PDB file of N, CA and C in Angstrom:
ATOM      1  N   UNK A   1       5.063 -17.254   3.543  1.00  0.00           N
ATOM      2  CA  UNK A   1       3.992 -16.433   4.064  1.00  0.00           C
ATOM      3  C   UNK A   1       3.183 -15.911   2.872  1.00  0.00           C
ATOM      4  N   UNK A   2       1.874 -15.980   2.984  1.00  0.00           N
ATOM      5  CA  UNK A   2       0.980 -15.500   1.938  1.00  0.00           C
ATOM      6  C   UNK A   2       0.352 -14.188   2.399  1.00  0.00           C
ATOM      7  N   UNK A   3       0.433 -13.176   1.535  1.00  0.00           N
ATOM      8  CA  UNK A   3      -0.145 -11.876   1.838  1.00  0.00           C
ATOM      9  C   UNK A   3      -1.407 -11.710   0.999  1.00  0.00           C
ATOM     10  N   UNK A   4      -2.561 -11.712   1.638  1.00  0.00           N
ATOM     11  CA  UNK A   4      -3.829 -11.665   0.912  1.00  0.00           C
ATOM     12  C   UNK A   4      -4.268 -10.244   0.570  1.00  0.00           C
ATOM     13  N   UNK A   5      -3.634  -9.249   1.128  1.00  0.00           N
ATOM     14  CA  UNK A   5      -4.041  -7.857   0.874  1.00  0.00           C
ATOM     15  C   UNK A   5      -3.109  -7.146  -0.092  1.00  0.00           C
ATOM     16  N   UNK A   6      -2.181  -7.888  -0.683  1.00  0.00           N
ATOM     17  CA  UNK A   6      -1.292  -7.300  -1.685  1.00  0.00           C
ATOM     18  C   UNK A   6      -1.334  -8.119  -2.964  1.00  0.00           C
ATOM     19  N   UNK A   7      -0.977  -7.473  -4.059  1.00  0.00           N
ATOM     20  CA  UNK A   7      -0.897  -8.160  -5.349  1.00  0.00           C
ATOM     21  C   UNK A   7       0.404  -7.763  -6.043  1.00  0.00           C
ATOM     22  N   UNK A   8       0.840  -8.634  -6.929  1.00  0.00           N
ATOM     23  CA  UNK A   8       1.989  -8.345  -7.774  1.00  0.00           C
ATOM     24  C   UNK A   8       1.596  -8.742  -9.186  1.00  0.00           C
ATOM     25  N   UNK A   9       1.645  -7.783 -10.093  1.00  0.00           N
ATOM     26  CA  UNK A   9       1.302  -8.031 -11.484  1.00  0.00           C
ATOM     27  C   UNK A   9       2.274  -7.250 -12.366  1.00  0.00           C
ATOM     28  N   UNK A  10       2.844  -7.907 -13.370  1.00  0.00           N
ATOM     29  CA  UNK A  10       3.769  -7.182 -14.250  1.00  0.00           C
ATOM     30  C   UNK A  10       3.087  -6.042 -15.009  1.00  0.00           C
ATOM     31  N   UNK A  11       1.771  -6.067 -15.087  1.00  0.00           N
ATOM     32  CA  UNK A  11       1.023  -5.024 -15.799  1.00  0.00           C
ATOM     33  C   UNK A  11       0.609  -3.858 -14.902  1.00  0.00           C
ATOM     34  N   UNK A  12       0.922  -3.951 -13.627  1.00  0.00           N
ATOM     35  CA  UNK A  12       0.534  -2.907 -12.681  1.00  0.00           C
ATOM     36  C   UNK A  12       1.777  -2.364 -11.996  1.00  0.00           C
ATOM     37  N   UNK A  13       2.046  -1.098 -12.191  1.00  0.00           N
ATOM     38  CA  UNK A  13       3.189  -0.411 -11.579  1.00  0.00           C
ATOM     39  C   UNK A  13       4.499  -1.182 -11.746  1.00  0.00           C
ATOM     40  N   UNK A  14       4.695  -1.701 -12.949  1.00  0.00           N
ATOM     41  CA  UNK A  14       5.927  -2.425 -13.319  1.00  0.00           C
ATOM     42  C   UNK A  14       6.234  -3.604 -12.401  1.00  0.00           C
ATOM     43  N   UNK A  15       5.203  -4.227 -11.878  1.00  0.00           N
ATOM     44  CA  UNK A  15       5.380  -5.416 -11.052  1.00  0.00           C
ATOM     45  C   UNK A  15       5.652  -5.157  -9.586  1.00  0.00           C
ATOM     46  N   UNK A  16       5.574  -3.898  -9.171  1.00  0.00           N
ATOM     47  CA  UNK A  16       5.787  -3.578  -7.755  1.00  0.00           C
ATOM     48  C   UNK A  16       4.606  -4.091  -6.932  1.00  0.00           C
ATOM     49  N   UNK A  17       4.860  -4.633  -5.740  1.00  0.00           N
ATOM     50  CA  UNK A  17       3.751  -5.058  -4.874  1.00  0.00           C
ATOM     51  C   UNK A  17       2.836  -3.880  -4.565  1.00  0.00           C
ATOM     52  N   UNK A  18       1.533  -4.115  -4.694  1.00  0.00           N
ATOM     53  CA  UNK A  18       0.530  -3.068  -4.466  1.00  0.00           C
ATOM     54  C   UNK A  18      -0.524  -3.546  -3.480  1.00  0.00           C
ATOM     55  N   UNK A  19      -1.220  -2.583  -2.907  1.00  0.00           N
ATOM     56  CA  UNK A  19      -2.377  -2.892  -2.086  1.00  0.00           C
ATOM     57  C   UNK A  19      -3.433  -3.479  -3.019  1.00  0.00           C
ATOM     58  N   UNK A  20      -3.997  -4.625  -2.646  1.00  0.00           N
ATOM     59  CA  UNK A  20      -4.956  -5.327  -3.507  1.00  0.00           C
ATOM     60  C   UNK A  20      -6.097  -4.408  -3.942  1.00  0.00           C
ATOM     61  N   UNK A  21      -6.325  -4.387  -5.251  1.00  0.00           N
ATOM     62  CA  UNK A  21      -7.427  -3.620  -5.814  1.00  0.00           C
ATOM     63  C   UNK A  21      -7.143  -2.138  -5.989  1.00  0.00           C
ATOM     64  N   UNK A  22      -5.965  -1.695  -5.593  1.00  0.00           N
ATOM     65  CA  UNK A  22      -5.614  -0.278  -5.698  1.00  0.00           C
ATOM     66  C   UNK A  22      -4.257  -0.143  -6.381  1.00  0.00           C
ATOM     67  N   UNK A  23      -3.984   0.996  -6.932  1.00  0.00           N
ATOM     68  CA  UNK A  23      -2.671   1.254  -7.524  1.00  0.00           C
ATOM     69  C   UNK A  23      -1.807   2.004  -6.513  1.00  0.00           C
ATOM     70  N   UNK A  24      -1.718   1.457  -5.311  1.00  0.00           N
ATOM     71  CA  UNK A  24      -0.921   2.055  -4.244  1.00  0.00           C
ATOM     72  C   UNK A  24       0.222   1.095  -3.929  1.00  0.00           C
ATOM     73  N   UNK A  25       1.462   1.494  -4.224  1.00  0.00           N
ATOM     74  CA  UNK A  25       2.596   0.612  -3.944  1.00  0.00           C
ATOM     75  C   UNK A  25       2.765   0.376  -2.438  1.00  0.00           C
ATOM     76  N   UNK A  26       3.017  -0.869  -2.085  1.00  0.00           N
ATOM     77  CA  UNK A  26       3.269  -1.211  -0.689  1.00  0.00           C
ATOM     78  C   UNK A  26       4.466  -0.411  -0.177  1.00  0.00           C
ATOM     79  N   UNK A  27       5.475  -0.222  -1.018  1.00  0.00           N
ATOM     80  CA  UNK A  27       6.676   0.517  -0.615  1.00  0.00           C
ATOM     81  C   UNK A  27       6.349   1.945  -0.190  1.00  0.00           C
ATOM     82  N   UNK A  28       5.344   2.554  -0.801  1.00  0.00           N
ATOM     83  CA  UNK A  28       4.948   3.914  -0.417  1.00  0.00           C
ATOM     84  C   UNK A  28       4.418   3.945   1.008  1.00  0.00           C
ATOM     85  N   UNK A  29       3.576   2.977   1.330  1.00  0.00           N
ATOM     86  CA  UNK A  29       2.997   2.918   2.677  1.00  0.00           C
ATOM     87  C   UNK A  29       4.079   2.574   3.703  1.00  0.00           C
ATOM     88  N   UNK A  30       4.933   1.625   3.378  1.00  0.00           N
ATOM     89  CA  UNK A  30       6.022   1.254   4.293  1.00  0.00           C
ATOM     90  C   UNK A  30       6.944   2.453   4.516  1.00  0.00           C
ATOM     91  N   UNK A  31       7.225   3.199   3.457  1.00  0.00           N
ATOM     92  CA  UNK A  31       8.059   4.390   3.589  1.00  0.00           C
ATOM     93  C   UNK A  31       7.443   5.433   4.498  1.00  0.00           C
ATOM     94  N   UNK A  32       6.143   5.591   4.400  1.00  0.00           N
ATOM     95  CA  UNK A  32       5.446   6.548   5.269  1.00  0.00           C
ATOM     96  C   UNK A  32       5.549   6.131   6.733  1.00  0.00           C
ATOM     97  N   UNK A  33       5.383   4.844   6.978  1.00  0.00           N
ATOM     98  CA  UNK A  33       5.511   4.331   8.350  1.00  0.00           C
ATOM     99  C   UNK A  33       6.943   4.545   8.847  1.00  0.00           C
ATOM    100  N   UNK A  34       7.919   4.256   7.993  1.00  0.00           N
ATOM    101  CA  UNK A  34       9.327   4.433   8.365  1.00  0.00           C
ATOM    102  C   UNK A  34       9.645   5.904   8.655  1.00  0.00           C
ATOM    103  N   UNK A  35       8.948   6.811   7.971  1.00  0.00           N
ATOM    104  CA  UNK A  35       9.141   8.245   8.201  1.00  0.00           C
ATOM    105  C   UNK A  35       8.421   8.750   9.446  1.00  0.00           C
ATOM    106  N   UNK A  36       7.683   7.865  10.114  1.00  0.00           N
ATOM    107  CA  UNK A  36       7.024   8.244  11.362  1.00  0.00           C
ATOM    108  C   UNK A  36       5.581   8.673  11.228  1.00  0.00           C
ATOM    109  N   UNK A  37       5.000   8.517  10.045  1.00  0.00           N
ATOM    110  CA  UNK A  37       3.596   8.895   9.888  1.00  0.00           C
ATOM    111  C   UNK A  37       2.706   7.922  10.660  1.00  0.00           C
ATOM    112  N   UNK A  38       1.650   8.442  11.233  1.00  0.00           N
ATOM    113  CA  UNK A  38       0.705   7.598  11.947  1.00  0.00           C
ATOM    114  C   UNK A  38      -0.418   7.187  10.994  1.00  0.00           C
ATOM    115  N   UNK A  39      -1.205   6.226  11.430  1.00  0.00           N
ATOM    116  CA  UNK A  39      -2.264   5.657  10.588  1.00  0.00           C
ATOM    117  C   UNK A  39      -3.197   6.726  10.016  1.00  0.00           C
ATOM    118  N   UNK A  40      -3.622   7.664  10.826  1.00  0.00           N
ATOM    119  CA  UNK A  40      -4.550   8.692  10.371  1.00  0.00           C
ATOM    120  C   UNK A  40      -3.948   9.532   9.241  1.00  0.00           C
ATOM    121  N   UNK A  41      -2.649   9.829   9.328  1.00  0.00           N
ATOM    122  CA  UNK A  41      -1.985  10.614   8.285  1.00  0.00           C
ATOM    123  C   UNK A  41      -1.917   9.827   6.976  1.00  0.00           C
ATOM    124  N   UNK A  42      -1.605   8.553   7.074  1.00  0.00           N
ATOM    125  CA  UNK A  42      -1.523   7.707   5.881  1.00  0.00           C
ATOM    126  C   UNK A  42      -2.899   7.597   5.231  1.00  0.00           C
ATOM    127  N   UNK A  43      -3.930   7.436   6.030  1.00  0.00           N
ATOM    128  CA  UNK A  43      -5.287   7.335   5.488  1.00  0.00           C
ATOM    129  C   UNK A  43      -5.758   8.643   4.861  1.00  0.00           C
ATOM    130  N   UNK A  44      -5.227   9.767   5.296  1.00  0.00           N
ATOM    131  CA  UNK A  44      -5.544  11.039   4.642  1.00  0.00           C
ATOM    132  C   UNK A  44      -4.924  11.087   3.241  1.00  0.00           C
ATOM    133  N   UNK A  45      -3.717  10.547   3.115  1.00  0.00           N
ATOM    134  CA  UNK A  45      -3.040  10.527   1.817  1.00  0.00           C
ATOM    135  C   UNK A  45      -3.682   9.487   0.903  1.00  0.00           C
ATOM    136  N   UNK A  46      -3.996   8.323   1.455  1.00  0.00           N
ATOM    137  CA  UNK A  46      -4.590   7.218   0.700  1.00  0.00           C
ATOM    138  C   UNK A  46      -5.925   6.825   1.327  1.00  0.00           C
ATOM    139  N   UNK A  47      -6.982   7.602   1.130  1.00  0.00           N
ATOM    140  CA  UNK A  47      -8.262   7.328   1.791  1.00  0.00           C
ATOM    141  C   UNK A  47      -8.924   6.022   1.336  1.00  0.00           C
ATOM    142  N   UNK A  48      -8.482   5.451   0.208  1.00  0.00           N
ATOM    143  CA  UNK A  48      -9.089   4.207  -0.273  1.00  0.00           C
ATOM    144  C   UNK A  48      -8.585   2.970   0.463  1.00  0.00           C
ATOM    145  N   UNK A  49      -7.535   3.125   1.258  1.00  0.00           N
ATOM    146  CA  UNK A  49      -7.036   1.986   2.033  1.00  0.00           C
ATOM    147  C   UNK A  49      -8.012   1.714   3.173  1.00  0.00           C
ATOM    148  N   UNK A  50      -8.418   0.467   3.317  1.00  0.00           N
ATOM    149  CA  UNK A  50      -9.358   0.099   4.382  1.00  0.00           C
ATOM    150  C   UNK A  50      -8.598  -0.232   5.657  1.00  0.00           C
ATOM    151  N   UNK A  51      -9.170   0.140   6.764  1.00  0.00           N
ATOM    152  CA  UNK A  51      -8.598  -0.251   8.060  1.00  0.00           C
ATOM    153  C   UNK A  51      -8.904  -1.718   8.301  1.00  0.00           C
ATOM    154  N   UNK A  52      -7.980  -2.380   8.955  1.00  0.00           N
ATOM    155  CA  UNK A  52      -8.174  -3.800   9.274  1.00  0.00           C
ATOM    156  C   UNK A  52      -8.257  -3.965  10.767  1.00  0.00           C
TER     157      UNK A  52
END
């Protein structure tokens, strides 16, 4: 499976998968979802994330 909205670079956040073009770790967003946060709450924390 190819994920076009994420990137992995050893020079960015120690190689952790990030949202493409941003220094936002995918794990942070997944953790927020796992904690029960809804989309609007996540977008308040990370307003640079675009809705799809």
